[in-house]
N, C-alpha and C. Protein backbone atom coordinates (compact mmCIF):
# COMPACT_ATOMS: atom_id res chain seq x y z
N MET A 1 9.10 16.15 6.45
CA MET A 1 7.77 15.61 6.62
C MET A 1 7.30 15.02 5.29
N GLN A 2 6.69 13.85 5.36
CA GLN A 2 6.12 13.23 4.16
C GLN A 2 4.61 13.13 4.34
N LEU A 3 3.90 13.58 3.33
CA LEU A 3 2.44 13.52 3.37
C LEU A 3 1.94 12.26 2.70
N GLY A 4 0.87 11.74 3.21
CA GLY A 4 0.24 10.57 2.63
C GLY A 4 -0.68 10.96 1.49
N THR A 5 -1.33 9.98 0.93
CA THR A 5 -2.27 10.21 -0.15
C THR A 5 -3.28 9.08 -0.18
N ARG A 6 -4.32 9.24 -0.98
CA ARG A 6 -5.38 8.24 -1.09
C ARG A 6 -5.71 8.08 -2.57
N TRP A 7 -5.99 6.81 -2.96
CA TRP A 7 -6.36 6.55 -4.35
C TRP A 7 -7.24 5.32 -4.42
N ALA A 8 -7.95 5.18 -5.52
CA ALA A 8 -8.89 4.06 -5.71
C ALA A 8 -8.13 2.78 -6.02
N ALA A 9 -8.56 1.69 -5.41
CA ALA A 9 -7.98 0.37 -5.71
C ALA A 9 -8.20 0.05 -7.18
N GLY A 10 -7.23 -0.60 -7.78
CA GLY A 10 -7.35 -0.98 -9.18
C GLY A 10 -6.90 0.08 -10.15
N THR A 11 -6.49 1.24 -9.63
CA THR A 11 -5.98 2.30 -10.49
C THR A 11 -4.47 2.43 -10.26
N VAL A 12 -3.81 3.17 -11.11
CA VAL A 12 -2.37 3.37 -10.97
C VAL A 12 -2.11 4.21 -9.72
N PRO A 13 -1.25 3.74 -8.83
CA PRO A 13 -0.93 4.53 -7.64
C PRO A 13 -0.28 5.86 -8.02
N PRO A 14 -0.50 6.89 -7.23
CA PRO A 14 0.12 8.19 -7.52
C PRO A 14 1.65 8.11 -7.42
N PRO A 15 2.34 9.06 -8.02
CA PRO A 15 3.81 9.05 -8.01
C PRO A 15 4.43 9.03 -6.61
N SER A 16 3.73 9.48 -5.60
CA SER A 16 4.28 9.51 -4.25
C SER A 16 4.38 8.12 -3.62
N VAL A 17 3.75 7.11 -4.21
CA VAL A 17 3.83 5.74 -3.69
C VAL A 17 5.17 5.16 -4.13
N PRO A 18 6.00 4.73 -3.18
CA PRO A 18 7.32 4.20 -3.53
C PRO A 18 7.23 3.00 -4.47
N ALA A 19 8.19 2.93 -5.37
CA ALA A 19 8.24 1.84 -6.35
C ALA A 19 8.28 0.48 -5.66
N ALA A 20 8.92 0.39 -4.52
CA ALA A 20 9.06 -0.88 -3.80
C ALA A 20 7.70 -1.47 -3.41
N LEU A 21 6.69 -0.65 -3.24
CA LEU A 21 5.37 -1.13 -2.81
C LEU A 21 4.46 -1.49 -3.97
N ARG A 22 4.76 -1.05 -5.15
CA ARG A 22 3.81 -1.14 -6.27
C ARG A 22 3.42 -2.56 -6.67
N ASP A 23 4.36 -3.50 -6.70
CA ASP A 23 4.01 -4.88 -7.07
C ASP A 23 3.07 -5.51 -6.04
N ALA A 24 3.36 -5.31 -4.77
CA ALA A 24 2.50 -5.88 -3.72
C ALA A 24 1.12 -5.23 -3.74
N ILE A 25 1.06 -3.95 -4.02
CA ILE A 25 -0.24 -3.27 -4.11
C ILE A 25 -1.04 -3.84 -5.28
N ALA A 26 -0.37 -4.05 -6.40
CA ALA A 26 -1.06 -4.62 -7.58
C ALA A 26 -1.60 -6.01 -7.27
N GLN A 27 -0.85 -6.81 -6.52
CA GLN A 27 -1.33 -8.15 -6.14
C GLN A 27 -2.57 -8.05 -5.26
N ALA A 28 -2.55 -7.15 -4.31
CA ALA A 28 -3.69 -6.99 -3.40
C ALA A 28 -4.90 -6.42 -4.14
N ASP A 29 -4.66 -5.59 -5.14
CA ASP A 29 -5.76 -5.01 -5.92
C ASP A 29 -6.63 -6.09 -6.56
N ALA A 30 -6.02 -7.22 -6.91
CA ALA A 30 -6.77 -8.29 -7.58
C ALA A 30 -7.92 -8.80 -6.73
N ASP A 31 -7.79 -8.72 -5.40
CA ASP A 31 -8.83 -9.20 -4.49
C ASP A 31 -9.56 -8.07 -3.77
N ALA A 32 -9.28 -6.84 -4.14
CA ALA A 32 -9.89 -5.70 -3.44
C ALA A 32 -11.38 -5.60 -3.74
N PRO A 33 -12.18 -5.36 -2.71
CA PRO A 33 -13.61 -5.17 -2.94
C PRO A 33 -13.86 -3.94 -3.83
N ALA A 34 -14.92 -4.00 -4.62
CA ALA A 34 -15.27 -2.87 -5.48
C ALA A 34 -15.45 -1.61 -4.64
N GLY A 35 -14.95 -0.51 -5.15
CA GLY A 35 -15.10 0.77 -4.46
C GLY A 35 -14.08 1.01 -3.36
N SER A 36 -13.11 0.12 -3.21
CA SER A 36 -12.10 0.26 -2.16
C SER A 36 -11.10 1.34 -2.51
N HIS A 37 -10.46 1.84 -1.48
CA HIS A 37 -9.42 2.85 -1.64
C HIS A 37 -8.21 2.50 -0.79
N TRP A 38 -7.05 2.91 -1.27
CA TRP A 38 -5.80 2.79 -0.55
C TRP A 38 -5.50 4.11 0.14
N THR A 39 -4.82 4.02 1.29
CA THR A 39 -4.32 5.20 1.98
C THR A 39 -2.84 4.97 2.24
N LEU A 40 -2.00 5.89 1.77
CA LEU A 40 -0.56 5.83 2.00
C LEU A 40 -0.22 6.71 3.19
N THR A 41 0.47 6.14 4.16
CA THR A 41 0.97 6.90 5.30
C THR A 41 2.44 6.54 5.49
N TRP A 42 3.06 7.19 6.43
CA TRP A 42 4.48 6.95 6.70
C TRP A 42 4.64 6.69 8.18
N LEU A 43 5.35 5.63 8.53
CA LEU A 43 5.61 5.27 9.91
C LEU A 43 7.12 5.17 10.09
N GLU A 44 7.66 6.04 10.89
CA GLU A 44 9.11 6.08 11.11
C GLU A 44 9.87 6.15 9.80
N GLY A 45 9.35 6.93 8.86
CA GLY A 45 10.01 7.13 7.58
C GLY A 45 9.80 6.03 6.56
N ARG A 46 9.00 5.02 6.89
CA ARG A 46 8.73 3.92 5.97
C ARG A 46 7.28 3.97 5.51
N ALA A 47 7.09 3.62 4.24
CA ALA A 47 5.77 3.67 3.64
C ALA A 47 4.88 2.53 4.11
N VAL A 48 3.61 2.86 4.34
CA VAL A 48 2.57 1.89 4.68
C VAL A 48 1.35 2.23 3.82
N ALA A 49 0.92 1.29 3.00
CA ALA A 49 -0.30 1.46 2.20
C ALA A 49 -1.37 0.54 2.79
N GLU A 50 -2.52 1.11 3.11
CA GLU A 50 -3.59 0.31 3.70
C GLU A 50 -4.85 0.43 2.87
N LEU A 51 -5.41 -0.72 2.56
CA LEU A 51 -6.67 -0.80 1.83
C LEU A 51 -7.81 -0.69 2.84
N ASP A 52 -8.94 -0.16 2.42
CA ASP A 52 -10.10 -0.01 3.31
C ASP A 52 -10.43 -1.30 4.04
N SER A 53 -10.19 -2.44 3.41
CA SER A 53 -10.52 -3.74 4.01
C SER A 53 -9.56 -4.16 5.12
N GLY A 54 -8.48 -3.39 5.30
CA GLY A 54 -7.52 -3.71 6.34
C GLY A 54 -6.24 -4.34 5.83
N VAL A 55 -6.18 -4.71 4.56
CA VAL A 55 -4.95 -5.23 3.98
C VAL A 55 -3.91 -4.13 4.00
N GLU A 56 -2.69 -4.48 4.40
CA GLU A 56 -1.60 -3.51 4.42
C GLU A 56 -0.43 -4.01 3.58
N VAL A 57 0.24 -3.08 2.95
CA VAL A 57 1.50 -3.32 2.28
C VAL A 57 2.50 -2.43 2.99
N VAL A 58 3.52 -3.06 3.60
CA VAL A 58 4.40 -2.36 4.52
C VAL A 58 5.85 -2.50 4.10
N GLU A 59 6.56 -1.38 4.13
CA GLU A 59 7.99 -1.39 3.90
C GLU A 59 8.69 -1.59 5.25
N LEU A 60 9.48 -2.65 5.36
CA LEU A 60 10.18 -2.98 6.60
C LEU A 60 11.49 -2.20 6.72
N PRO A 61 12.06 -2.15 7.93
CA PRO A 61 13.31 -1.41 8.12
C PRO A 61 14.45 -1.84 7.19
N ASP A 62 14.46 -3.12 6.78
CA ASP A 62 15.53 -3.59 5.90
C ASP A 62 15.25 -3.31 4.42
N GLY A 63 14.12 -2.64 4.14
CA GLY A 63 13.76 -2.29 2.77
C GLY A 63 12.88 -3.30 2.08
N SER A 64 12.69 -4.47 2.68
CA SER A 64 11.79 -5.46 2.09
C SER A 64 10.34 -5.01 2.29
N VAL A 65 9.45 -5.63 1.53
CA VAL A 65 8.03 -5.27 1.57
C VAL A 65 7.22 -6.52 1.86
N ILE A 66 6.27 -6.40 2.77
CA ILE A 66 5.36 -7.51 3.06
C ILE A 66 3.93 -7.01 2.93
N GLY A 67 3.05 -7.96 2.68
CA GLY A 67 1.62 -7.69 2.69
C GLY A 67 1.01 -8.43 3.85
N ARG A 68 0.11 -7.79 4.53
CA ARG A 68 -0.59 -8.47 5.62
C ARG A 68 -2.03 -8.03 5.64
N PRO A 69 -2.98 -8.82 5.93
CA PRO A 69 -2.86 -10.21 6.38
C PRO A 69 -2.85 -11.22 5.25
N TRP A 70 -2.86 -10.81 3.99
CA TRP A 70 -3.00 -11.74 2.89
C TRP A 70 -1.73 -12.49 2.53
N GLN A 71 -0.61 -12.15 3.13
CA GLN A 71 0.65 -12.82 2.85
C GLN A 71 1.34 -13.16 4.15
N ASP A 72 1.92 -14.34 4.28
CA ASP A 72 2.64 -14.72 5.51
C ASP A 72 3.87 -13.86 5.70
């Protein structure tokens, strides 16, 4: 079992956030509303970080990472 976590946007993500997600999270932080927070969860063993505004950074089954809705 993997537990999620929560942290403030614009701060360093906690160690439990996979390295693969960190660059995309940093990019999304640039546009994050003040006072926003990220929530890390796991879906089928893959990391999903969601900002309060609905932006998600998702690890896909092939290991690649996408951001939505801010990235195609």
